[in-house]
Amino acid sequence: MKANHPGLFNRVRRLPWRDSDLDHKDRNQANHRIENRRLKTAAFAHIDYPDAAQALQLAH
C-alpha cells in the first residue's frame, strides 16, 4: 500500500498492528550488513475497498 491512496492508506494504518501476532521473522546477512524483516497479517471485513480482506505489514 502506498500513500497515493490516502483514504485506504489511513484505514489500514489504523488497524490494530500492535495487537497482531508476528507471523514471520527473518534475519540474514547481505551486502555486509544484517537485515531483519518482520511480517504481520491482519484480516478485516470493515474496510470498504473492493476485494480487500487482508493486509500485510512488512517491517525492516
N, C-alpha and C. Protein backbone atom coordinates (compact mmCIF):
# COMPACT_ATOMS: atom_id res chain seq x y z
N MET A 1 0.84 -1.15 0.00
CA MET A 1 0.00 0.00 0.00
C MET A 1 0.89 1.22 0.00
N LYS A 2 0.54 2.15 -0.82
CA LYS A 2 1.29 3.40 -0.88
C LYS A 2 0.37 4.54 -0.46
N ALA A 3 0.97 5.65 -0.19
CA ALA A 3 0.21 6.82 0.26
C ALA A 3 -0.56 7.48 -0.88
N ASN A 4 -0.45 6.97 -2.12
CA ASN A 4 -1.22 7.57 -3.21
C ASN A 4 -2.69 7.17 -3.17
N HIS A 5 -3.07 6.33 -2.21
CA HIS A 5 -4.47 6.02 -1.91
C HIS A 5 -4.70 6.47 -0.46
N PRO A 6 -4.80 7.77 -0.21
CA PRO A 6 -4.78 8.27 1.17
C PRO A 6 -5.89 7.71 2.06
N GLY A 7 -7.09 7.55 1.56
CA GLY A 7 -8.17 7.03 2.40
C GLY A 7 -7.91 5.61 2.84
N LEU A 8 -7.59 4.74 1.91
CA LEU A 8 -7.30 3.35 2.23
C LEU A 8 -6.03 3.24 3.06
N PHE A 9 -5.02 4.02 2.75
CA PHE A 9 -3.77 4.02 3.50
C PHE A 9 -4.02 4.33 4.97
N ASN A 10 -4.82 5.34 5.25
CA ASN A 10 -5.11 5.71 6.64
C ASN A 10 -5.92 4.64 7.36
N ARG A 11 -6.88 4.00 6.66
CA ARG A 11 -7.68 2.95 7.30
C ARG A 11 -6.82 1.74 7.64
N VAL A 12 -5.92 1.35 6.74
CA VAL A 12 -5.06 0.19 7.01
C VAL A 12 -4.04 0.54 8.09
N ARG A 13 -3.56 1.75 8.08
CA ARG A 13 -2.58 2.17 9.09
C ARG A 13 -3.18 2.13 10.49
N ARG A 14 -4.50 2.35 10.60
CA ARG A 14 -5.16 2.35 11.91
C ARG A 14 -5.59 0.96 12.37
N LEU A 15 -5.29 -0.08 11.62
CA LEU A 15 -5.60 -1.44 12.09
C LEU A 15 -4.78 -1.73 13.35
N PRO A 16 -5.23 -2.64 14.18
CA PRO A 16 -4.53 -2.90 15.46
C PRO A 16 -3.24 -3.69 15.29
N TRP A 17 -2.25 -3.09 14.64
CA TRP A 17 -0.99 -3.79 14.37
C TRP A 17 -0.25 -4.17 15.64
N ARG A 18 -0.30 -3.35 16.65
CA ARG A 18 0.41 -3.67 17.90
C ARG A 18 -0.17 -4.90 18.59
N ASP A 19 -1.45 -5.15 18.39
CA ASP A 19 -2.10 -6.31 18.99
C ASP A 19 -1.95 -7.57 18.13
N SER A 20 -1.47 -7.42 16.89
CA SER A 20 -1.32 -8.55 15.98
C SER A 20 -0.07 -9.34 16.31
N ASP A 21 -0.17 -10.64 16.15
CA ASP A 21 0.99 -11.50 16.37
C ASP A 21 1.95 -11.42 15.20
N LEU A 22 3.20 -11.64 15.48
CA LEU A 22 4.23 -11.67 14.45
C LEU A 22 4.11 -12.99 13.70
N ASP A 23 3.90 -12.92 12.37
CA ASP A 23 3.72 -14.13 11.57
C ASP A 23 5.03 -14.72 11.09
N HIS A 24 5.98 -13.87 10.79
CA HIS A 24 7.24 -14.35 10.24
C HIS A 24 8.35 -13.39 10.63
N LYS A 25 9.50 -13.96 10.93
CA LYS A 25 10.66 -13.16 11.29
C LYS A 25 11.86 -13.76 10.58
N ASP A 26 12.65 -12.92 9.93
CA ASP A 26 13.79 -13.39 9.17
C ASP A 26 14.98 -12.49 9.44
N ARG A 27 16.12 -13.10 9.60
CA ARG A 27 17.35 -12.33 9.81
C ARG A 27 18.43 -12.97 8.96
N ASN A 28 19.04 -12.17 8.09
CA ASN A 28 20.12 -12.69 7.28
C ASN A 28 21.14 -11.59 7.00
N GLN A 29 22.24 -12.00 6.43
CA GLN A 29 23.30 -11.04 6.12
C GLN A 29 23.42 -10.93 4.61
N ALA A 30 23.40 -9.70 4.14
CA ALA A 30 23.55 -9.43 2.71
C ALA A 30 24.27 -8.10 2.54
N ASN A 31 25.16 -8.05 1.60
CA ASN A 31 25.90 -6.82 1.31
C ASN A 31 26.59 -6.25 2.55
N HIS A 32 27.18 -7.15 3.33
CA HIS A 32 27.96 -6.78 4.51
C HIS A 32 27.13 -6.09 5.60
N ARG A 33 25.87 -6.40 5.66
CA ARG A 33 25.03 -5.87 6.74
C ARG A 33 23.97 -6.92 7.10
N ILE A 34 23.49 -6.82 8.30
CA ILE A 34 22.46 -7.73 8.78
C ILE A 34 21.10 -7.10 8.50
N GLU A 35 20.21 -7.88 7.89
CA GLU A 35 18.86 -7.41 7.57
C GLU A 35 17.85 -8.18 8.40
N ASN A 36 16.96 -7.47 9.05
CA ASN A 36 15.86 -8.05 9.81
C ASN A 36 14.56 -7.71 9.11
N ARG A 37 13.70 -8.71 8.95
CA ARG A 37 12.38 -8.48 8.35
C ARG A 37 11.34 -9.11 9.25
N ARG A 38 10.25 -8.37 9.47
CA ARG A 38 9.14 -8.87 10.28
C ARG A 38 7.86 -8.71 9.47
N LEU A 39 7.01 -9.71 9.53
CA LEU A 39 5.78 -9.70 8.76
C LEU A 39 4.60 -9.96 9.68
N LYS A 40 3.59 -9.10 9.59
CA LYS A 40 2.34 -9.27 10.32
C LYS A 40 1.19 -9.28 9.32
N THR A 41 0.16 -10.03 9.64
CA THR A 41 -1.03 -10.13 8.79
C THR A 41 -2.26 -9.73 9.59
N ALA A 42 -3.14 -8.98 8.96
CA ALA A 42 -4.40 -8.59 9.59
C ALA A 42 -5.54 -8.83 8.61
N ALA A 43 -6.54 -9.58 9.03
CA ALA A 43 -7.74 -9.79 8.23
C ALA A 43 -8.80 -8.81 8.71
N PHE A 44 -9.61 -8.33 7.79
CA PHE A 44 -10.64 -7.36 8.17
C PHE A 44 -11.84 -7.50 7.25
N ALA A 45 -12.97 -7.05 7.73
CA ALA A 45 -14.19 -7.04 6.93
C ALA A 45 -14.80 -5.65 6.89
N HIS A 46 -14.29 -4.74 7.69
CA HIS A 46 -14.92 -3.44 7.85
C HIS A 46 -14.32 -2.33 6.98
N ILE A 47 -13.28 -2.60 6.21
CA ILE A 47 -12.70 -1.58 5.35
C ILE A 47 -13.35 -1.69 3.98
N ASP A 48 -13.94 -0.64 3.55
CA ASP A 48 -14.69 -0.62 2.30
C ASP A 48 -13.74 -0.38 1.13
N TYR A 49 -13.25 -1.48 0.56
CA TYR A 49 -12.39 -1.42 -0.61
C TYR A 49 -12.62 -2.70 -1.40
N PRO A 50 -12.83 -2.62 -2.71
CA PRO A 50 -13.19 -3.81 -3.49
C PRO A 50 -12.19 -4.96 -3.34
N ASP A 51 -12.69 -6.12 -3.00
CA ASP A 51 -11.93 -7.37 -2.92
C ASP A 51 -10.82 -7.36 -1.88
N ALA A 52 -10.74 -6.39 -1.02
CA ALA A 52 -9.71 -6.37 0.02
C ALA A 52 -10.24 -7.03 1.29
N ALA A 53 -9.49 -7.98 1.82
CA ALA A 53 -9.90 -8.66 3.04
C ALA A 53 -8.72 -8.91 3.98
N GLN A 54 -7.52 -8.55 3.55
CA GLN A 54 -6.35 -8.84 4.33
C GLN A 54 -5.28 -7.79 4.04
N ALA A 55 -4.49 -7.48 5.06
CA ALA A 55 -3.38 -6.53 4.90
C ALA A 55 -2.13 -7.13 5.52
N LEU A 56 -0.99 -6.81 4.95
CA LEU A 56 0.29 -7.28 5.45
C LEU A 56 1.12 -6.07 5.85
N GLN A 57 1.84 -6.21 6.94
CA GLN A 57 2.76 -5.15 7.36
C GLN A 57 4.16 -5.75 7.35
N LEU A 58 5.03 -5.12 6.59
CA LEU A 58 6.42 -5.55 6.47
C LEU A 58 7.29 -4.51 7.11
N ALA A 59 8.09 -4.92 8.10
CA ALA A 59 8.98 -4.00 8.78
C ALA A 59 10.41 -4.47 8.57
N HIS A 60 11.27 -3.53 8.35
CA HIS A 60 12.70 -3.84 8.18
C HIS A 60 13.44 -3.49 9.43
